[in-house]
C-alpha atoms as a PDB file:
ATOM      1  CA  MET A   1     -10.900 -13.251 -15.697  1.00  0.00           C
ATOM      2  CA  SER A   2      -7.995 -11.240 -14.292  1.00  0.00           C
ATOM      3  CA  LYS A   3      -4.913 -12.925 -12.967  1.00  0.00           C
ATOM      4  CA  VAL A   4      -4.242 -12.343  -9.260  1.00  0.00           C
ATOM      5  CA  ARG A   5      -0.607 -11.638  -8.541  1.00  0.00           C
ATOM      6  CA  PRO A   6       0.970 -11.843  -5.086  1.00  0.00           C
ATOM      7  CA  PRO A   7       2.010  -8.470  -3.662  1.00  0.00           C
ATOM      8  CA  TYR A   8       5.373  -7.069  -4.663  1.00  0.00           C
ATOM      9  CA  PRO A   9       8.048  -7.302  -1.944  1.00  0.00           C
ATOM     10  CA  ALA A  10       8.423  -4.223   0.260  1.00  0.00           C
ATOM     11  CA  GLU A  11      12.033  -3.787  -0.899  1.00  0.00           C
ATOM     12  CA  PHE A  12      10.922  -3.631  -4.536  1.00  0.00           C
ATOM     13  CA  GLN A  13       8.199  -1.118  -3.714  1.00  0.00           C
ATOM     14  CA  GLN A  14      10.700   1.039  -1.816  1.00  0.00           C
ATOM     15  CA  GLN A  15      13.113   0.897  -4.748  1.00  0.00           C
ATOM     16  CA  MET A  16      10.357   2.136  -7.086  1.00  0.00           C
ATOM     17  CA  VAL A  17       9.541   4.984  -4.670  1.00  0.00           C
ATOM     18  CA  GLU A  18      13.197   6.022  -4.548  1.00  0.00           C
ATOM     19  CA  LEU A  19      13.453   5.970  -8.347  1.00  0.00           C
ATOM     20  CA  VAL A  20      10.378   8.212  -8.643  1.00  0.00           C
ATOM     21  CA  ARG A  21      11.834  10.588  -6.052  1.00  0.00           C
ATOM     22  CA  ALA A  22      15.053  10.621  -8.093  1.00  0.00           C
ATOM     23  CA  GLY A  23      13.086  11.942 -11.057  1.00  0.00           C
ATOM     24  CA  ARG A  24      11.933   8.912 -13.043  1.00  0.00           C
ATOM     25  CA  SER A  25       8.273   8.758 -14.007  1.00  0.00           C
ATOM     26  CA  PRO A  26       5.899   5.967 -12.935  1.00  0.00           C
ATOM     27  CA  ALA A  27       5.086   5.355 -16.623  1.00  0.00           C
ATOM     28  CA  GLU A  28       8.767   4.883 -17.473  1.00  0.00           C
ATOM     29  CA  LEU A  29       9.288   2.503 -14.542  1.00  0.00           C
ATOM     30  CA  SER A  30       6.100   0.673 -15.488  1.00  0.00           C
ATOM     31  CA  ARG A  31       7.456  -0.122 -18.930  1.00  0.00           C
ATOM     32  CA  GLU A  32      10.866  -1.118 -17.583  1.00  0.00           C
ATOM     33  CA  PHE A  33       9.773  -3.320 -14.667  1.00  0.00           C
ATOM     34  CA  GLY A  34       6.333  -4.546 -15.758  1.00  0.00           C
ATOM     35  CA  VAL A  35       4.451  -2.939 -12.873  1.00  0.00           C
ATOM     36  CA  THR A  36       1.425  -0.744 -13.468  1.00  0.00           C
ATOM     37  CA  ALA A  37       2.089   2.976 -13.224  1.00  0.00           C
ATOM     38  CA  GLN A  38      -0.896   3.234 -10.860  1.00  0.00           C
ATOM     39  CA  SER A  39       0.719   0.772  -8.435  1.00  0.00           C
ATOM     40  CA  ILE A  40       3.913   2.813  -8.415  1.00  0.00           C
ATOM     41  CA  THR A  41       1.926   6.019  -7.880  1.00  0.00           C
ATOM     42  CA  ASN A  42       0.082   4.374  -4.977  1.00  0.00           C
ATOM     43  CA  TRP A  43       3.387   3.295  -3.398  1.00  0.00           C
ATOM     44  CA  VAL A  44       4.774   6.827  -3.682  1.00  0.00           C
ATOM     45  CA  GLY A  45       1.638   8.243  -2.048  1.00  0.00           C
ATOM     46  CA  GLN A  46       1.696   5.694   0.776  1.00  0.00           C
ATOM     47  CA  ALA A  47       5.412   6.333   1.377  1.00  0.00           C
ATOM     48  CA  ALA A  48       4.649  10.049   1.681  1.00  0.00           C
ATOM     49  CA  ILE A  49       1.900   9.341   4.233  1.00  0.00           C
ATOM     50  CA  ASP A  50       4.195   6.996   6.186  1.00  0.00           C
ATOM     51  CA  SER A  51       6.896   9.681   6.329  1.00  0.00           C
ATOM     52  CA  GLY A  52       4.411  12.207   7.727  1.00  0.00           C
ATOM     53  CA  LYS A  53       4.378  14.321   4.566  1.00  0.00           C
ATOM     54  CA  PRO A  54       1.255  13.288   2.629  1.00  0.00           C
ATOM     55  CA  LEU A  55       0.789  14.639  -0.860  1.00  0.00           C
ATOM     56  CA  PRO A  56      -1.849  17.393  -1.088  1.00  0.00           C
ATOM     57  CA  GLY A  57      -5.314  15.850  -1.092  1.00  0.00           C
ATOM     58  CA  LYS A  58      -3.908  12.382  -0.310  1.00  0.00           C
ATOM     59  CA  GLU A  59      -4.145  12.268   3.484  1.00  0.00           C
ATOM     60  CA  GLY A  60      -4.792   8.784   4.818  1.00  0.00           C
ATOM     61  CA  LEU A  61      -3.719   6.041   7.179  1.00  0.00           C
ATOM     62  CA  THR A  62      -0.097   5.084   7.624  1.00  0.00           C
ATOM     63  CA  THR A  63       0.888   1.505   6.894  1.00  0.00           C
ATOM     64  CA  ALA A  64       1.091   0.802  10.640  1.00  0.00           C
ATOM     65  CA  GLU A  65      -2.405   2.225  11.143  1.00  0.00           C
ATOM     66  CA  ARG A  66      -3.755   0.113   8.277  1.00  0.00           C
ATOM     67  CA  GLU A  67      -2.193  -3.032   9.776  1.00  0.00           C
ATOM     68  CA  GLU A  68      -3.685  -2.222  13.182  1.00  0.00           C
ATOM     69  CA  LEU A  69      -7.108  -1.637  11.618  1.00  0.00           C
ATOM     70  CA  VAL A  70      -6.980  -5.035   9.883  1.00  0.00           C
ATOM     71  CA  ARG A  71      -5.903  -6.709  13.139  1.00  0.00           C
ATOM     72  CA  LEU A  72      -8.684  -5.022  15.136  1.00  0.00           C
ATOM     73  CA  ARG A  73     -11.358  -5.895  12.571  1.00  0.00           C
ATOM     74  CA  ARG A  74     -10.215  -9.518  12.612  1.00  0.00           C
ATOM     75  CA  GLN A  75     -10.335  -9.516  16.413  1.00  0.00           C
ATOM     76  CA  LEU A  76     -13.824  -7.957  16.374  1.00  0.00           C
ATOM     77  CA  ARG A  77     -15.129 -10.652  14.000  1.00  0.00           C
ATOM     78  CA  GLN A  78     -13.725 -13.333  16.306  1.00  0.00           C
ATOM     79  CA  VAL A  79     -15.345 -11.812  19.400  1.00  0.00           C
ATOM     80  CA  GLN A  80     -18.677 -11.413  17.572  1.00  0.00           C
ATOM     81  CA  MET A  81     -18.592 -15.073  16.522  1.00  0.00           C
ATOM     82  CA  GLU A  82     -17.857 -16.123  20.102  1.00  0.00           C
ATOM     83  CA  ARG A  83     -20.725 -13.946  21.362  1.00  0.00           C
ATOM     84  CA  ASP A  84     -23.140 -15.403  18.803  1.00  0.00           C
ATOM     85  CA  ILE A  85     -22.257 -18.942  19.887  1.00  0.00           C
ATOM     86  CA  LEU A  86     -23.157 -18.138  23.501  1.00  0.00           C
END
């Protein structure tokens, strides 16, 4: 069974993104900091989307849009439960 780890702090993620932009590879940072290279790659891609410059073929939702989507889905579930009770 895999171990679930709490999310890395936003500051740490941003530091990894800046190091990749400075020329270090995700694999190198993975070995040094104990984070998977895929996580670092995902953070770099999301940072590009958030800055309005998505990587080719990696268009998607910004972090703010993702947060709003989660909030709206939660609100929808609540309203549906209330409707079902009536």
